[in-house]
Amino acid sequence: MSSYVQGSLWYYAPNKVLPIVFAILFFLSGLLHTYQTLRYKIWRITILLSWSALIMVAGFSLREAGAYNLSSLNLLLASNVLVLSGPPVYAAVNYLILSRVLYYVPYLSPLHPGRVLTTFLALDGMVEALLATGAVRIFNFSMTPAQRELGARLVKAALVVQAAMFIAFVLLAAWFHRRASAAGVLKPNIRTVLLVLYASSAIVFARCVYRVVEFFQGYGGALFTHEAYFWVFEAALMWANTVLLNVWHVGRFLPRSNKVFLARDGVTERRGPGWQDKRHWVVTVVDPFDLWGLFSGKDKKTEFWNWEPEELERVLEREREEKARRKARGCRPWWCIMLDPLHLYGSRGLFARGWRKVRGTDATGAGTVDQTAVRPSPPPSSPREKRPDDRVLEQMV
């Protein structure tokens, strides 16, 4: 056991060089992830890599500040909460990547790719909440021993759940891997992505085991009182993981859209409607894996990968027409609805419409004009050729 430093809430005196080194390393990796995300335009999957790197940079920066202020409880809490929160975000990226692989080869997916994603992300969010709540209690020395012990139990539970999730995740990926290999569609790009997923999951799992052992040992254990373990099993492992995802960036191996899928011949890539889940969100929460659909065979209605190219094109054409109708009606995309649910901003938003009403302008910003004043007069009627019916009427008169 290392010697205790008087007045240090860290137990020891934290290293003052390594936090700077790892903050720079994670910053560079996050910067590269941002560039790769923009280059390959696959931000729906990999934008979280930049976010997780930023979390780690903030955690190590606060740890550096704490190294010069050993008695600051706020720095201790903030640093540990951030460093504990980074790895689950890296795990979420792995879930997103596997989901995109399953969308790419939908006919071999053990479960609906979207349901796999939402289920793992929901569990990951629960882990994040438990880790943050528990870490605040553990490192808050103003709380009673019983309150801190409750925090330790929360962190232990979160880490155990996280470890179980990794095992289930790897088993699911291996199941798909085996099916793709047997079907002869395991292309080099798919194999590479799966191998990177296995490696990344192993790294995050090793870090998770380190944290589980640390918290089960308690505050007087070797892992808690020796800083070297933190730098090896937390900082170095997580940096190896982010660099791994830099070198084998998923954007190089998978299509941008989850509507692009690999045909059964293992060569041709086609574009389809995507494997959608059109159930009500309440039903999705109650039955995330759609076990009822699996047992009743309703999922077979969405097997677009078995459709002929002409049928696929007809469905895509209907989707394009529906998208054009929504655009004409002024319907907003999903991300706008999430960011601005009340529709306050934009050319059709509440603020813009109110401002135009105050200024007396139309939707284009031009002044209101009396349309009747500028309405063109109808063209003079030109004599038309008389039809036989007209000549008959003239004779009768």
Protein backbone atom coordinates (compact mmCIF):
# COMPACT_ATOMS: atom_id res chain seq x y z
CA MET A 1 0.00 0.00 0.00
CA SER A 2 1.38 3.42 -0.94
CA SER A 3 1.93 6.04 1.73
CA TYR A 4 -0.90 8.40 2.55
CA VAL A 5 -0.35 12.10 1.77
CA GLN A 6 -1.57 14.33 4.56
CA GLY A 7 -4.62 16.40 3.55
CA SER A 8 -5.04 14.70 0.15
CA LEU A 9 -8.56 13.61 -0.76
CA TRP A 10 -6.96 11.41 -3.43
CA TYR A 11 -5.09 9.44 -0.73
CA TYR A 12 -1.87 10.00 -2.70
CA ALA A 13 -0.43 13.00 -4.51
CA PRO A 14 -1.63 12.67 -8.13
CA ASN A 15 0.91 12.74 -10.94
CA LYS A 16 1.21 16.20 -12.48
CA VAL A 17 2.60 15.18 -15.90
CA LEU A 18 0.50 12.23 -17.05
CA PRO A 19 -2.86 14.09 -16.94
CA ILE A 20 -1.48 16.61 -19.42
CA VAL A 21 -0.07 13.86 -21.63
CA PHE A 22 -3.31 11.90 -21.79
CA ALA A 23 -5.44 15.03 -22.20
CA ILE A 24 -3.37 15.91 -25.29
CA LEU A 25 -3.51 12.33 -26.61
CA PHE A 26 -7.29 12.11 -26.24
CA PHE A 27 -7.71 15.57 -27.74
CA LEU A 28 -5.72 14.59 -30.84
CA SER A 29 -7.67 11.35 -31.19
CA GLY A 30 -10.99 13.18 -30.82
CA LEU A 31 -9.90 15.76 -33.38
CA LEU A 32 -9.04 12.98 -35.82
CA HIS A 33 -12.40 11.31 -35.13
CA THR A 34 -14.15 14.58 -35.97
CA TYR A 35 -12.27 14.83 -39.25
CA GLN A 36 -13.02 11.20 -40.12
CA THR A 37 -16.69 11.64 -39.28
CA LEU A 38 -16.94 14.63 -41.61
CA ARG A 39 -14.94 12.90 -44.33
CA TYR A 40 -16.96 9.69 -44.39
CA LYS A 41 -20.25 11.44 -43.49
CA ILE A 42 -21.20 8.74 -41.00
CA TRP A 43 -21.81 11.07 -38.07
CA ARG A 44 -24.83 9.14 -36.77
CA ILE A 45 -22.43 6.41 -35.64
CA THR A 46 -19.09 8.03 -34.93
CA ILE A 47 -19.93 11.50 -33.63
CA LEU A 48 -19.98 9.96 -30.14
CA LEU A 49 -16.27 9.14 -30.52
CA SER A 50 -15.48 12.85 -30.54
CA TRP A 51 -17.82 13.37 -27.58
CA SER A 52 -16.25 10.57 -25.51
CA ALA A 53 -12.76 11.90 -26.23
CA LEU A 54 -13.89 15.34 -25.07
CA ILE A 55 -15.21 13.80 -21.83
CA MET A 56 -11.85 12.16 -21.18
CA VAL A 57 -9.99 15.39 -21.95
CA ALA A 58 -12.14 17.25 -19.43
CA GLY A 59 -11.62 14.52 -16.83
CA PHE A 60 -7.84 14.54 -17.15
CA SER A 61 -7.72 18.34 -17.20
CA LEU A 62 -9.59 18.47 -13.90
CA ARG A 63 -7.32 15.77 -12.51
CA GLU A 64 -4.36 17.98 -13.39
CA ALA A 65 -5.98 20.87 -11.52
CA GLY A 66 -6.66 18.54 -8.58
CA ALA A 67 -2.99 17.57 -8.45
CA TYR A 68 -2.25 21.15 -7.40
CA ASN A 69 -5.18 21.35 -4.99
CA LEU A 70 -5.29 18.09 -3.05
CA SER A 71 -8.06 19.23 -0.70
CA SER A 72 -10.55 20.33 -3.39
CA LEU A 73 -13.60 18.08 -3.21
CA ASN A 74 -15.18 19.59 -6.33
CA LEU A 75 -12.16 18.80 -8.50
CA LEU A 76 -12.00 15.26 -7.15
CA LEU A 77 -15.70 14.65 -7.80
CA ALA A 78 -15.79 16.19 -11.26
CA SER A 79 -12.65 14.44 -12.46
CA ASN A 80 -13.71 10.98 -11.30
CA VAL A 81 -17.26 11.32 -12.60
CA LEU A 82 -16.01 12.35 -16.05
CA VAL A 83 -13.37 9.63 -16.30
CA LEU A 84 -15.92 7.03 -15.22
CA SER A 85 -18.44 8.33 -17.79
CA GLY A 86 -16.17 8.15 -20.83
CA PRO A 87 -15.88 4.35 -21.34
CA PRO A 88 -19.67 3.72 -21.46
CA VAL A 89 -19.85 6.19 -24.36
CA TYR A 90 -17.18 4.19 -26.20
CA ALA A 91 -19.29 1.11 -25.52
CA ALA A 92 -22.31 2.87 -27.02
CA VAL A 93 -20.31 3.45 -30.21
CA ASN A 94 -19.72 -0.30 -30.45
CA TYR A 95 -23.46 -0.88 -30.18
CA LEU A 96 -24.04 1.61 -32.99
CA ILE A 97 -21.43 -0.07 -35.18
CA LEU A 98 -22.89 -3.55 -34.71
CA SER A 99 -26.35 -2.18 -35.45
CA ARG A 100 -25.08 -0.75 -38.76
CA VAL A 101 -23.52 -4.13 -39.62
CA LEU A 102 -26.84 -5.85 -38.98
CA TYR A 103 -28.64 -3.27 -41.13
CA TYR A 104 -26.09 -3.99 -43.86
CA VAL A 105 -26.83 -7.76 -43.82
CA PRO A 106 -30.42 -7.75 -42.51
CA TYR A 107 -31.37 -11.29 -43.56
CA LEU A 108 -28.74 -12.74 -41.19
CA SER A 109 -29.46 -10.46 -38.23
CA PRO A 110 -30.52 -12.52 -35.19
CA LEU A 111 -32.82 -9.65 -34.12
CA HIS A 112 -34.10 -6.38 -35.52
CA PRO A 113 -31.02 -4.06 -35.73
CA GLY A 114 -32.96 -1.08 -34.42
CA ARG A 115 -34.22 -3.03 -31.43
CA VAL A 116 -30.74 -4.30 -30.65
CA LEU A 117 -29.49 -0.71 -30.71
CA THR A 118 -32.25 0.81 -28.57
CA THR A 119 -32.06 -1.97 -25.98
CA PHE A 120 -28.30 -1.75 -25.51
CA LEU A 121 -28.36 2.04 -25.51
CA ALA A 122 -31.13 2.07 -22.89
CA LEU A 123 -29.10 -0.24 -20.65
CA ASP A 124 -26.00 1.88 -21.30
CA GLY A 125 -27.89 5.00 -20.24
CA MET A 126 -28.90 3.26 -17.02
CA VAL A 127 -25.25 2.34 -16.41
CA GLU A 128 -24.19 5.96 -16.96
CA ALA A 129 -26.78 7.21 -14.46
CA LEU A 130 -25.77 4.67 -11.81
CA LEU A 131 -22.07 5.41 -12.31
CA ALA A 132 -22.53 9.16 -12.00
CA THR A 133 -24.76 8.88 -8.92
CA GLY A 134 -22.50 6.35 -7.23
CA ALA A 135 -19.27 8.21 -8.01
CA VAL A 136 -20.62 11.43 -6.51
CA ARG A 137 -21.40 9.57 -3.26
CA ILE A 138 -18.12 7.65 -3.13
CA PHE A 139 -15.84 10.64 -3.50
CA ASN A 140 -17.95 13.04 -1.44
CA PHE A 141 -16.18 12.81 1.91
CA SER A 142 -18.75 15.08 3.55
CA MET A 143 -21.27 12.21 3.42
CA THR A 144 -21.63 9.56 6.09
CA PRO A 145 -19.90 6.18 5.65
CA ALA A 146 -23.28 4.58 5.02
CA GLN A 147 -24.08 7.04 2.21
CA ARG A 148 -20.69 6.49 0.62
CA GLU A 149 -21.15 2.74 0.89
CA LEU A 150 -24.46 3.08 -0.95
CA GLY A 151 -22.62 4.92 -3.71
CA ALA A 152 -20.08 2.11 -3.91
CA ARG A 153 -22.89 -0.41 -4.27
CA LEU A 154 -24.43 1.62 -7.08
CA VAL A 155 -21.13 1.72 -8.93
CA LYS A 156 -20.60 -2.02 -8.38
CA ALA A 157 -24.07 -2.78 -9.74
CA ALA A 158 -23.49 -0.54 -12.77
CA LEU A 159 -20.14 -2.14 -13.54
CA VAL A 160 -21.54 -5.67 -13.20
CA VAL A 161 -24.41 -4.77 -15.55
CA GLN A 162 -21.92 -3.25 -17.97
CA ALA A 163 -19.78 -6.40 -17.92
CA ALA A 164 -22.85 -8.57 -18.55
CA MET A 165 -23.84 -6.29 -21.44
CA PHE A 166 -20.42 -6.71 -23.02
CA ILE A 167 -20.66 -10.48 -22.80
CA ALA A 168 -24.14 -10.45 -24.38
CA PHE A 169 -22.95 -8.00 -27.02
CA VAL A 170 -19.96 -10.11 -28.03
CA LEU A 171 -22.08 -13.27 -28.13
CA LEU A 172 -24.58 -11.51 -30.41
CA ALA A 173 -21.78 -10.32 -32.71
CA ALA A 174 -20.23 -13.81 -32.76
CA TRP A 175 -23.61 -15.34 -33.59
CA PHE A 176 -23.97 -13.03 -36.57
CA HIS A 177 -20.32 -13.64 -37.52
CA ARG A 178 -20.92 -17.38 -37.68
CA ARG A 179 -24.10 -17.03 -39.73
CA ALA A 180 -22.44 -14.64 -42.21
CA SER A 181 -19.49 -17.00 -42.62
CA ALA A 182 -21.78 -19.98 -43.23
CA ALA A 183 -23.82 -18.00 -45.79
CA GLY A 184 -20.69 -16.96 -47.68
CA VAL A 185 -21.30 -13.22 -47.36
CA LEU A 186 -18.54 -12.44 -44.86
CA LYS A 187 -16.80 -9.84 -47.01
CA PRO A 188 -13.41 -8.43 -45.89
CA ASN A 189 -15.03 -5.15 -44.79
CA ILE A 190 -17.54 -6.95 -42.55
CA ARG A 191 -14.85 -9.23 -41.11
CA THR A 192 -12.63 -6.22 -40.33
CA VAL A 193 -15.42 -4.36 -38.56
CA LEU A 194 -16.31 -7.41 -36.47
CA LEU A 195 -12.69 -8.01 -35.46
CA VAL A 196 -12.34 -4.37 -34.44
CA LEU A 197 -15.55 -4.70 -32.41
CA TYR A 198 -14.17 -7.75 -30.61
CA ALA A 199 -10.91 -5.94 -29.82
CA SER A 200 -12.66 -2.78 -28.65
CA SER A 201 -15.09 -4.74 -26.50
CA ALA A 202 -12.22 -6.69 -24.95
CA ILE A 203 -10.43 -3.45 -24.04
CA VAL A 204 -13.51 -1.87 -22.48
CA PHE A 205 -14.33 -5.14 -20.70
CA ALA A 206 -10.81 -5.30 -19.21
CA ARG A 207 -11.20 -1.76 -17.95
CA CYS A 208 -14.60 -2.68 -16.51
CA VAL A 209 -13.09 -5.66 -14.64
CA TYR A 210 -10.41 -3.37 -13.22
CA ARG A 211 -13.07 -1.01 -11.87
CA VAL A 212 -15.15 -3.86 -10.46
CA VAL A 213 -12.14 -5.23 -8.56
CA GLU A 214 -11.19 -1.75 -7.39
CA PHE A 215 -14.59 -1.00 -5.88
CA PHE A 216 -14.97 -4.45 -4.37
CA GLN A 217 -11.58 -4.05 -2.68
CA GLY A 218 -12.75 -0.82 -1.11
CA TYR A 219 -11.01 2.42 -0.26
CA GLY A 220 -8.08 0.68 1.38
CA GLY A 221 -7.39 -1.72 -1.49
CA ALA A 222 -4.26 -1.72 -3.60
CA LEU A 223 -6.04 -0.52 -6.75
CA PHE A 224 -7.61 2.44 -4.97
CA THR A 225 -4.46 3.56 -3.16
CA HIS A 226 -1.93 3.07 -6.00
CA GLU A 227 -2.20 5.55 -8.86
CA ALA A 228 -0.18 3.41 -11.30
CA TYR A 229 -3.09 1.02 -11.78
CA PHE A 230 -5.29 3.91 -12.86
CA TRP A 231 -2.89 5.00 -15.58
CA VAL A 232 -2.47 1.47 -16.95
CA PHE A 233 -5.99 0.03 -16.75
CA GLU A 234 -8.02 3.22 -17.22
CA ALA A 235 -6.08 5.86 -19.13
CA ALA A 236 -3.85 3.68 -21.31
CA LEU A 237 -6.56 1.14 -22.13
CA MET A 238 -9.10 3.77 -23.11
CA TRP A 239 -6.54 5.60 -25.23
CA ALA A 240 -5.68 2.31 -26.98
CA ASN A 241 -9.38 1.87 -27.68
CA THR A 242 -9.88 5.29 -29.23
CA VAL A 243 -6.74 4.89 -31.37
CA LEU A 244 -7.97 1.47 -32.51
CA LEU A 245 -11.18 3.11 -33.74
CA ASN A 246 -9.10 5.83 -35.43
CA VAL A 247 -6.98 3.36 -37.38
CA TRP A 248 -9.88 1.14 -38.45
CA HIS A 249 -12.56 3.79 -38.72
CA VAL A 250 -15.95 2.26 -39.48
CA GLY A 251 -16.61 4.84 -42.20
CA ARG A 252 -14.02 3.12 -44.39
CA PHE A 253 -15.85 -0.21 -44.32
CA LEU A 254 -19.61 0.37 -44.08
CA PRO A 255 -22.07 2.48 -46.12
CA ARG A 256 -23.31 5.79 -44.79
CA SER A 257 -26.98 4.87 -44.80
CA ASN A 258 -28.59 1.95 -43.00
CA LYS A 259 -30.87 1.58 -46.04
CA VAL A 260 -28.02 0.21 -48.14
CA PHE A 261 -27.81 -3.55 -47.77
CA LEU A 262 -25.79 -6.41 -49.19
CA ALA A 263 -27.68 -8.75 -51.50
CA ARG A 264 -27.64 -12.46 -50.86
CA ASP A 265 -24.96 -12.97 -53.51
CA GLY A 266 -22.51 -11.29 -51.14
CA VAL A 267 -21.35 -8.85 -53.82
CA THR A 268 -24.16 -6.54 -54.93
CA GLU A 269 -25.14 -3.60 -52.76
CA ARG A 270 -28.72 -2.40 -53.05
CA ARG A 271 -30.79 0.33 -51.52
CA GLY A 272 -34.05 -0.55 -49.81
CA PRO A 273 -36.58 0.98 -47.44
CA GLY A 274 -34.57 -0.10 -44.41
CA TRP A 275 -35.63 -2.41 -41.63
CA GLN A 276 -38.17 -0.19 -39.91
CA ASP A 277 -40.14 -0.72 -36.73
CA LYS A 278 -43.53 0.93 -37.27
CA ARG A 279 -45.05 -0.21 -33.98
CA HIS A 280 -46.31 2.29 -31.42
CA TRP A 281 -43.55 3.46 -29.10
CA VAL A 282 -45.39 2.05 -26.07
CA VAL A 283 -45.37 -1.41 -27.65
CA THR A 284 -41.68 -0.96 -28.47
CA VAL A 285 -40.88 -0.22 -24.82
CA VAL A 286 -42.88 -3.20 -23.57
CA ASP A 287 -41.53 -5.61 -26.19
CA PRO A 288 -38.23 -4.12 -27.49
CA PHE A 289 -37.19 -7.29 -29.34
CA ASP A 290 -40.67 -7.77 -30.86
CA LEU A 291 -40.95 -11.33 -29.61
CA TRP A 292 -44.59 -11.31 -30.68
CA GLY A 293 -43.55 -10.48 -34.22
CA LEU A 294 -40.96 -13.24 -34.20
CA PHE A 295 -43.41 -15.86 -32.97
CA SER A 296 -46.33 -14.72 -35.14
CA GLY A 297 -44.25 -14.32 -38.29
CA LYS A 298 -45.20 -10.66 -38.83
CA ASP A 299 -41.55 -9.77 -39.40
CA LYS A 300 -41.69 -11.68 -42.69
CA LYS A 301 -43.75 -8.85 -44.15
CA THR A 302 -40.72 -6.57 -44.04
CA GLU A 303 -38.25 -8.90 -45.77
CA PHE A 304 -37.39 -6.38 -48.49
CA TRP A 305 -34.11 -8.18 -49.24
CA ASN A 306 -36.18 -10.89 -50.98
CA TRP A 307 -37.94 -8.42 -53.26
CA GLU A 308 -37.16 -8.04 -56.93
CA PRO A 309 -35.26 -4.88 -58.02
CA GLU A 310 -38.40 -3.53 -59.71
CA GLU A 311 -40.42 -3.87 -56.52
CA LEU A 312 -37.67 -2.18 -54.50
CA GLU A 313 -37.66 0.71 -56.96
CA ARG A 314 -41.43 1.12 -56.67
CA VAL A 315 -41.22 1.27 -52.89
CA LEU A 316 -38.36 3.78 -53.02
CA GLU A 317 -40.30 5.91 -55.49
CA ARG A 318 -43.28 5.98 -53.12
CA GLU A 319 -40.96 7.02 -50.28
CA ARG A 320 -39.52 9.85 -52.39
CA GLU A 321 -43.02 11.06 -53.25
CA GLU A 322 -44.05 10.94 -49.59
CA LYS A 323 -40.91 12.85 -48.62
CA ALA A 324 -41.70 15.51 -51.24
CA ARG A 325 -45.26 15.82 -49.88
CA ARG A 326 -43.97 16.24 -46.32
CA LYS A 327 -41.55 18.88 -47.50
CA ALA A 328 -44.32 20.71 -49.34
CA ARG A 329 -46.43 20.66 -46.17
CA GLY A 330 -43.52 22.08 -44.23
CA CYS A 331 -42.90 18.95 -42.15
CA ARG A 332 -39.65 19.10 -40.25
CA PRO A 333 -37.05 16.31 -40.05
CA TRP A 334 -36.77 14.28 -36.84
CA TRP A 335 -33.62 16.03 -35.62
CA CYS A 336 -35.31 19.45 -35.87
CA ILE A 337 -38.26 18.16 -33.86
CA MET A 338 -35.89 16.88 -31.15
CA LEU A 339 -33.91 20.12 -30.96
CA ASP A 340 -36.91 22.43 -31.28
CA PRO A 341 -40.11 20.54 -30.30
CA LEU A 342 -42.16 23.77 -30.07
CA HIS A 343 -41.05 24.91 -33.54
CA LEU A 344 -39.80 28.26 -32.35
CA TYR A 345 -37.05 28.76 -34.94
CA GLY A 346 -36.78 28.57 -38.72
CA SER A 347 -38.53 30.37 -41.54
CA ARG A 348 -41.85 28.80 -40.52
CA GLY A 349 -41.22 28.96 -36.78
CA LEU A 350 -43.20 30.88 -34.19
CA PHE A 351 -40.64 33.69 -33.87
CA ALA A 352 -40.33 34.20 -37.64
CA ARG A 353 -44.11 34.20 -38.16
CA GLY A 354 -44.59 36.66 -35.32
CA TRP A 355 -41.89 38.96 -36.68
CA ARG A 356 -43.41 38.88 -40.17
CA LYS A 357 -46.80 39.72 -38.70
CA VAL A 358 -45.33 42.71 -36.85
CA ARG A 359 -43.53 43.97 -39.95
CA GLY A 360 -46.45 43.22 -42.22
CA THR A 361 -44.39 41.10 -44.57
CA ASP A 362 -45.12 37.88 -46.34
CA ALA A 363 -43.18 34.62 -46.02
CA THR A 364 -40.45 35.82 -48.35
CA GLY A 365 -39.78 39.00 -46.38
CA ALA A 366 -41.24 41.34 -49.01
CA GLY A 367 -43.79 43.95 -48.01
CA THR A 368 -47.46 43.01 -48.05
CA VAL A 369 -48.99 43.93 -51.36
CA ASP A 370 -52.61 44.19 -52.38
CA GLN A 371 -52.78 41.30 -54.80
CA THR A 372 -55.94 42.63 -56.43
CA ALA A 373 -54.12 45.78 -57.48
CA VAL A 374 -51.50 43.95 -59.48
CA ARG A 375 -53.66 41.11 -60.71
CA PRO A 376 -53.26 41.02 -64.47
CA SER A 377 -56.37 41.70 -66.46
CA PRO A 378 -57.66 38.79 -68.48
CA PRO A 379 -56.52 38.79 -72.08
CA PRO A 380 -59.06 40.01 -74.62
CA SER A 381 -61.18 37.28 -75.96
CA SER A 382 -60.05 36.28 -79.38
CA PRO A 383 -62.62 35.26 -81.94
CA ARG A 384 -62.78 31.54 -82.07
CA GLU A 385 -63.67 29.48 -85.05
CA LYS A 386 -67.35 28.78 -85.28
CA ARG A 387 -68.31 25.21 -84.65
CA PRO A 388 -71.10 23.43 -86.57
CA ASP A 389 -73.39 23.77 -83.55
CA ASP A 390 -73.01 27.55 -83.65
CA ARG A 391 -74.00 27.74 -87.34
CA VAL A 392 -77.10 25.68 -86.69
CA LEU A 393 -78.19 28.04 -83.90
CA GLU A 394 -77.71 31.10 -86.17
CA GLN A 395 -79.91 29.58 -88.86
CA MET A 396 -82.65 28.87 -86.31
CA VAL A 397 -82.59 32.48 -85.16
